[in-house]
């Protein structure tokens, strides 16, 4: 008989997302070379690249908003094009860069939107949906904001509400487009720690960031956009290094080490002419 540890290990090796020679873009023009990546339960993939390199376009392709130009996207072993909207909602939940809504919902109402993709056509949320919403609100520590409208919340609080809405969907994977953009230093850390905690519970996570230190803090593997439309995919420790990042961003990147041995990446100081 298999024990709890063996069961957890099987879950960890469960494949959630795979791309096979994926080329994406617009009007028949691919933005990168073919991408092959795989995401398992409990893993975090970080996407790094300069502005305009195609990170958001990749996400739109993974979510089925844009069709691949070549290759395929698979969710839990099934090709994306063969999934219904409801089936896809069980596979992946989306958190945009600047969460918001057309109406000024309360946090509870906004999180409930995450349940809509799981409801039958014309059905209203029931007790199970309300319980799911209550659980994720508590899980992310935003119970005190339950009745507060989004317009009265800080950027970090709204980002946590957006993650709660995605979690209410009860999908196996979260895809987040720059979840720490425009957040202050403290809220950046809270969001990254939240992602680490969720991956520890078995969720698969894919997110984009402009800060390579975020990848070192909350990431297992990285997809890095290189000059000329090339990409590299591999362990964060191999991908997020000064030499590669200097090539990616066209500036010199250097590494320093904290007293505890943690790597911190930064732009190299500009040379100041001696007078």
Protein backbone atom coordinates (compact mmCIF):
# COMPACT_ATOMS: atom_id res chain seq x y z
CA UNK A 1 0.00 0.00 0.00
CA UNK A 2 1.17 3.50 -0.68
CA UNK A 3 1.51 5.84 2.27
CA UNK A 4 0.87 9.58 2.56
CA UNK A 5 4.46 10.46 1.54
CA UNK A 6 4.18 8.37 -1.63
CA UNK A 7 0.85 9.98 -2.43
CA UNK A 8 2.39 13.45 -2.03
CA UNK A 9 5.29 12.45 -4.26
CA UNK A 10 2.90 11.27 -7.01
CA UNK A 11 1.09 14.59 -6.82
CA UNK A 12 4.42 16.45 -7.08
CA UNK A 13 5.26 14.64 -10.31
CA UNK A 14 1.83 15.22 -11.86
CA UNK A 15 2.21 17.20 -15.06
CA UNK A 16 -0.08 20.23 -15.25
CA UNK A 17 1.16 22.14 -18.29
CA UNK A 18 3.34 21.28 -21.26
CA UNK A 19 4.15 23.17 -24.43
CA UNK A 20 5.52 21.32 -27.44
CA UNK A 21 7.48 23.37 -29.97
CA UNK A 22 5.15 26.26 -29.20
CA UNK A 23 5.41 29.32 -31.42
CA UNK A 24 3.11 32.25 -30.64
CA UNK A 25 2.59 35.74 -31.97
CA UNK A 26 0.36 37.82 -34.23
CA UNK A 27 -0.44 37.91 -37.95
CA UNK A 28 1.62 34.78 -38.56
CA UNK A 29 4.76 36.31 -37.06
CA UNK A 30 6.30 34.32 -34.22
CA UNK A 31 7.80 36.28 -31.35
CA UNK A 32 10.26 33.62 -30.18
CA UNK A 33 11.87 30.39 -31.19
CA UNK A 34 9.79 27.27 -30.36
CA UNK A 35 9.26 26.81 -26.61
CA UNK A 36 9.18 23.48 -24.82
CA UNK A 37 8.41 23.72 -21.13
CA UNK A 38 6.72 21.61 -18.50
CA UNK A 39 5.10 22.52 -15.16
CA UNK A 40 4.38 19.98 -12.41
CA UNK A 41 2.33 20.30 -9.25
CA UNK A 42 4.11 22.31 -6.58
CA UNK A 43 6.42 24.06 -9.06
CA UNK A 44 6.82 27.74 -9.91
CA UNK A 45 7.94 28.83 -13.37
CA UNK A 46 9.10 32.44 -13.66
CA UNK A 47 9.06 34.22 -17.04
CA UNK A 48 11.73 36.91 -17.50
CA UNK A 49 12.34 39.24 -20.42
CA UNK A 50 12.39 42.89 -21.49
CA UNK A 51 9.29 44.89 -22.30
CA UNK A 52 7.70 43.93 -25.60
CA UNK A 53 9.39 40.54 -25.77
CA UNK A 54 6.09 38.63 -25.67
CA UNK A 55 5.52 37.54 -22.08
CA UNK A 56 1.86 38.60 -22.04
CA UNK A 57 1.35 37.12 -25.52
CA UNK A 58 2.65 33.79 -24.23
CA UNK A 59 0.13 33.88 -21.41
CA UNK A 60 -2.72 34.73 -23.79
CA UNK A 61 -1.72 31.69 -25.85
CA UNK A 62 -1.54 29.39 -22.82
CA UNK A 63 -5.04 30.55 -21.83
CA UNK A 64 -6.51 29.98 -25.28
CA UNK A 65 -7.16 33.65 -26.06
CA UNK A 66 -4.75 33.42 -29.00
CA UNK A 67 -4.20 30.27 -31.08
CA UNK A 68 -0.64 28.94 -31.38
CA UNK A 69 1.11 29.67 -34.66
CA UNK A 70 2.83 26.30 -34.37
CA UNK A 71 3.07 23.49 -31.84
CA UNK A 72 0.64 22.83 -29.04
CA UNK A 73 -0.34 23.61 -25.47
CA UNK A 74 -1.43 20.76 -23.20
CA UNK A 75 -3.18 21.01 -19.85
CA UNK A 76 -2.98 17.80 -17.78
CA UNK A 77 -2.14 15.86 -20.93
CA UNK A 78 -5.03 17.21 -23.01
CA UNK A 79 -4.57 19.60 -25.91
CA UNK A 80 -5.86 23.08 -25.19
CA UNK A 81 -7.96 23.23 -28.35
CA UNK A 82 -9.97 20.19 -27.17
CA UNK A 83 -10.97 21.67 -23.81
CA UNK A 84 -14.31 23.33 -23.18
CA UNK A 85 -14.37 26.66 -21.32
CA UNK A 86 -15.49 24.87 -18.16
CA UNK A 87 -12.77 22.22 -18.46
CA UNK A 88 -10.13 24.91 -18.97
CA UNK A 89 -11.42 26.76 -15.89
CA UNK A 90 -10.66 23.64 -13.85
CA UNK A 91 -7.11 23.60 -15.19
CA UNK A 92 -5.96 27.21 -14.96
CA UNK A 93 -6.91 30.52 -13.32
CA UNK A 94 -5.67 33.91 -14.51
CA UNK A 95 -4.49 36.88 -12.42
CA UNK A 96 -3.94 40.03 -14.54
CA UNK A 97 -1.28 42.63 -13.88
CA UNK A 98 -3.71 45.25 -12.61
CA UNK A 99 -6.73 43.47 -11.12
CA UNK A 100 -9.99 45.31 -11.20
CA UNK A 101 -13.57 44.97 -12.32
CA UNK A 102 -16.13 46.92 -14.33
CA UNK A 103 -18.12 47.46 -11.12
CA UNK A 104 -16.88 48.40 -7.66
CA UNK A 105 -17.45 45.02 -6.07
CA UNK A 106 -16.77 44.20 -2.46
CA UNK A 107 -13.94 41.73 -1.92
CA UNK A 108 -16.44 38.94 -1.26
CA UNK A 109 -18.36 39.70 -4.48
CA UNK A 110 -15.14 39.96 -6.47
CA UNK A 111 -13.79 36.64 -5.19
CA UNK A 112 -17.13 35.01 -6.00
CA UNK A 113 -16.47 35.81 -9.68
CA UNK A 114 -13.91 33.02 -9.55
CA UNK A 115 -16.69 30.49 -9.08
CA UNK A 116 -18.58 31.45 -12.25
CA UNK A 117 -16.49 29.29 -14.57
CA UNK A 118 -17.42 26.19 -12.55
CA UNK A 119 -21.19 26.82 -12.56
CA UNK A 120 -23.57 25.30 -15.06
CA UNK A 121 -25.08 27.75 -17.54
CA UNK A 122 -27.68 29.93 -15.80
CA UNK A 123 -26.93 28.53 -12.33
CA UNK A 124 -26.49 30.76 -9.29
CA UNK A 125 -23.81 30.30 -6.65
CA UNK A 126 -24.83 27.95 -3.85
CA UNK A 127 -23.64 27.12 -0.35
CA UNK A 128 -20.60 25.23 -1.65
CA UNK A 129 -19.56 28.29 -3.65
CA UNK A 130 -19.99 30.58 -0.66
CA UNK A 131 -17.94 28.21 1.47
CA UNK A 132 -15.17 28.08 -1.15
CA UNK A 133 -15.05 31.89 -1.24
CA UNK A 134 -14.94 32.13 2.57
CA UNK A 135 -12.08 29.63 2.70
CA UNK A 136 -9.82 31.42 0.22
CA UNK A 137 -10.49 34.82 1.78
CA UNK A 138 -9.40 33.37 5.13
CA UNK A 139 -6.47 31.56 3.52
CA UNK A 140 -5.01 34.82 2.19
CA UNK A 141 -5.65 36.73 5.40
CA UNK A 142 -8.02 39.32 3.95
CA UNK A 143 -11.10 38.56 6.05
CA UNK A 144 -11.11 42.07 7.50
CA UNK A 145 -11.57 43.42 3.96
CA UNK A 146 -14.47 41.11 3.13
CA UNK A 147 -17.06 43.91 2.84
CA UNK A 148 -14.65 46.57 1.57
CA UNK A 149 -14.94 47.68 -2.05
CA UNK A 150 -11.95 47.32 -4.36
CA UNK A 151 -11.68 51.09 -4.82
CA UNK A 152 -10.96 51.47 -1.10
CA UNK A 153 -8.08 48.96 -1.08
CA UNK A 154 -4.37 49.41 -1.62
CA UNK A 155 -2.59 47.86 -4.59
CA UNK A 156 -1.24 45.01 -2.48
CA UNK A 157 -4.65 44.28 -0.98
CA UNK A 158 -6.25 44.24 -4.44
CA UNK A 159 -3.57 41.85 -5.66
CA UNK A 160 -4.30 39.46 -2.80
CA UNK A 161 -8.01 39.75 -3.61
CA UNK A 162 -7.24 38.87 -7.24
CA UNK A 163 -5.27 35.82 -6.14
CA UNK A 164 -8.18 34.86 -3.88
CA UNK A 165 -10.57 35.15 -6.84
CA UNK A 166 -8.30 32.85 -8.85
CA UNK A 167 -8.06 30.36 -5.98
CA UNK A 168 -11.85 30.30 -5.64
CA UNK A 169 -11.88 28.86 -9.14
CA UNK A 170 -10.12 25.79 -7.66
CA UNK A 171 -7.93 25.34 -10.72
CA UNK A 172 -4.71 23.34 -10.54
CA UNK A 173 -2.55 26.16 -11.93
CA UNK A 174 -2.33 29.92 -11.46
CA UNK A 175 -0.95 32.16 -14.22
CA UNK A 176 -0.05 35.68 -13.09
CA UNK A 177 1.15 38.59 -15.22
CA UNK A 178 3.62 40.64 -13.16
CA UNK A 179 1.81 40.15 -9.84
CA UNK A 180 4.17 42.51 -7.99
CA UNK A 181 4.05 45.38 -10.50
CA UNK A 182 3.35 48.76 -8.86
CA UNK A 183 3.44 47.26 -5.35
CA UNK A 184 5.56 48.66 -2.54
CA UNK A 185 8.48 46.69 -1.13
CA UNK A 186 6.52 45.07 1.69
CA UNK A 187 3.59 44.02 -0.48
CA UNK A 188 5.95 42.56 -3.08
CA UNK A 189 7.32 40.27 -0.40
CA UNK A 190 3.85 39.31 0.84
CA UNK A 191 2.68 38.36 -2.66
CA UNK A 192 5.84 36.33 -3.38
CA UNK A 193 5.55 34.55 -0.04
CA UNK A 194 1.90 33.80 -0.86
CA UNK A 195 2.95 32.21 -4.16
CA UNK A 196 5.57 30.09 -2.38
CA UNK A 197 2.98 28.95 0.14
CA UNK A 198 0.51 28.01 -2.58
CA UNK A 199 3.11 26.01 -4.48
CA UNK A 200 3.94 24.25 -1.24
CA UNK A 201 0.31 23.12 -1.11
CA UNK A 202 0.63 21.57 -4.58
CA UNK A 203 -0.54 24.29 -6.95
CA UNK A 204 1.39 24.94 -10.15
CA UNK A 205 2.28 28.59 -10.71
CA UNK A 206 3.54 30.54 -13.73
CA UNK A 207 4.26 34.25 -13.33
CA UNK A 208 6.12 37.03 -15.11
CA UNK A 209 8.36 39.55 -13.43
CA UNK A 210 10.91 42.22 -14.31
CA UNK A 211 12.91 41.64 -11.13
CA UNK A 212 15.26 38.62 -11.30
CA UNK A 213 15.53 38.67 -7.49
CA UNK A 214 11.87 37.67 -7.40
CA UNK A 215 12.72 34.58 -9.42
CA UNK A 216 15.43 33.67 -6.91
CA UNK A 217 12.99 34.15 -4.03
CA UNK A 218 9.96 32.43 -5.55
CA UNK A 219 10.82 30.17 -8.47
CA UNK A 220 11.95 26.66 -9.37
CA UNK A 221 12.52 27.08 -13.09
CA UNK A 222 12.70 30.06 -15.40
CA UNK A 223 11.83 30.81 -19.00
CA UNK A 224 14.18 33.57 -20.13
CA UNK A 225 13.70 35.59 -23.31
CA UNK A 226 17.05 36.19 -25.02
CA UNK A 227 17.96 38.63 -27.80
CA UNK A 228 16.94 37.64 -31.33
CA UNK A 229 13.81 35.76 -30.26
CA UNK A 230 15.67 32.92 -28.57
CA UNK A 231 14.59 31.48 -25.22
CA UNK A 232 16.14 29.32 -22.52
CA UNK A 233 14.29 27.19 -20.00
CA UNK A 234 15.81 25.53 -16.97
CA UNK A 235 16.43 25.69 -13.21
CA UNK A 236 16.38 29.20 -11.76
CA UNK A 237 19.93 28.73 -10.42
CA UNK A 238 21.16 28.17 -13.98
CA UNK A 239 18.99 30.73 -15.79
CA UNK A 240 19.04 33.70 -13.40
CA UNK A 241 22.73 34.55 -13.40
CA UNK A 242 24.52 37.86 -14.17
CA UNK A 243 25.98 36.81 -17.53
CA UNK A 244 22.66 35.68 -18.97
CA UNK A 245 20.72 38.63 -17.54
CA UNK A 246 23.25 41.09 -18.93
CA UNK A 247 22.53 39.65 -22.37
CA UNK A 248 18.76 39.72 -21.81
CA UNK A 249 18.51 43.34 -20.69
CA UNK A 250 21.52 44.85 -22.45
CA UNK A 251 23.03 46.21 -19.24
CA UNK A 252 25.68 44.89 -16.91
CA UNK A 253 24.25 42.87 -14.04
CA UNK A 254 26.28 41.85 -11.02
CA UNK A 255 25.72 39.57 -8.04
CA UNK A 256 26.38 40.21 -4.36
CA UNK A 257 25.92 37.92 -1.39
CA UNK A 258 24.26 38.60 1.93
CA UNK A 259 25.81 37.51 5.24
CA UNK A 260 23.54 34.48 5.06
CA UNK A 261 24.83 33.52 1.61
CA UNK A 262 21.76 34.64 -0.35
CA UNK A 263 22.40 35.99 -3.86
CA UNK A 264 21.20 39.52 -4.67
CA UNK A 265 21.31 40.77 -8.26
CA UNK A 266 21.63 44.41 -9.22
CA UNK A 267 22.69 46.71 -12.03
CA UNK A 268 26.42 47.36 -12.04
CA UNK A 269 27.32 50.87 -10.92
CA UNK A 270 28.04 53.25 -13.76
CA UNK A 271 31.61 54.36 -14.08
CA UNK A 272 32.07 57.94 -12.90
CA UNK A 273 34.76 59.93 -14.76
CA UNK A 274 37.62 61.08 -12.54
CA UNK A 275 38.18 64.85 -12.72
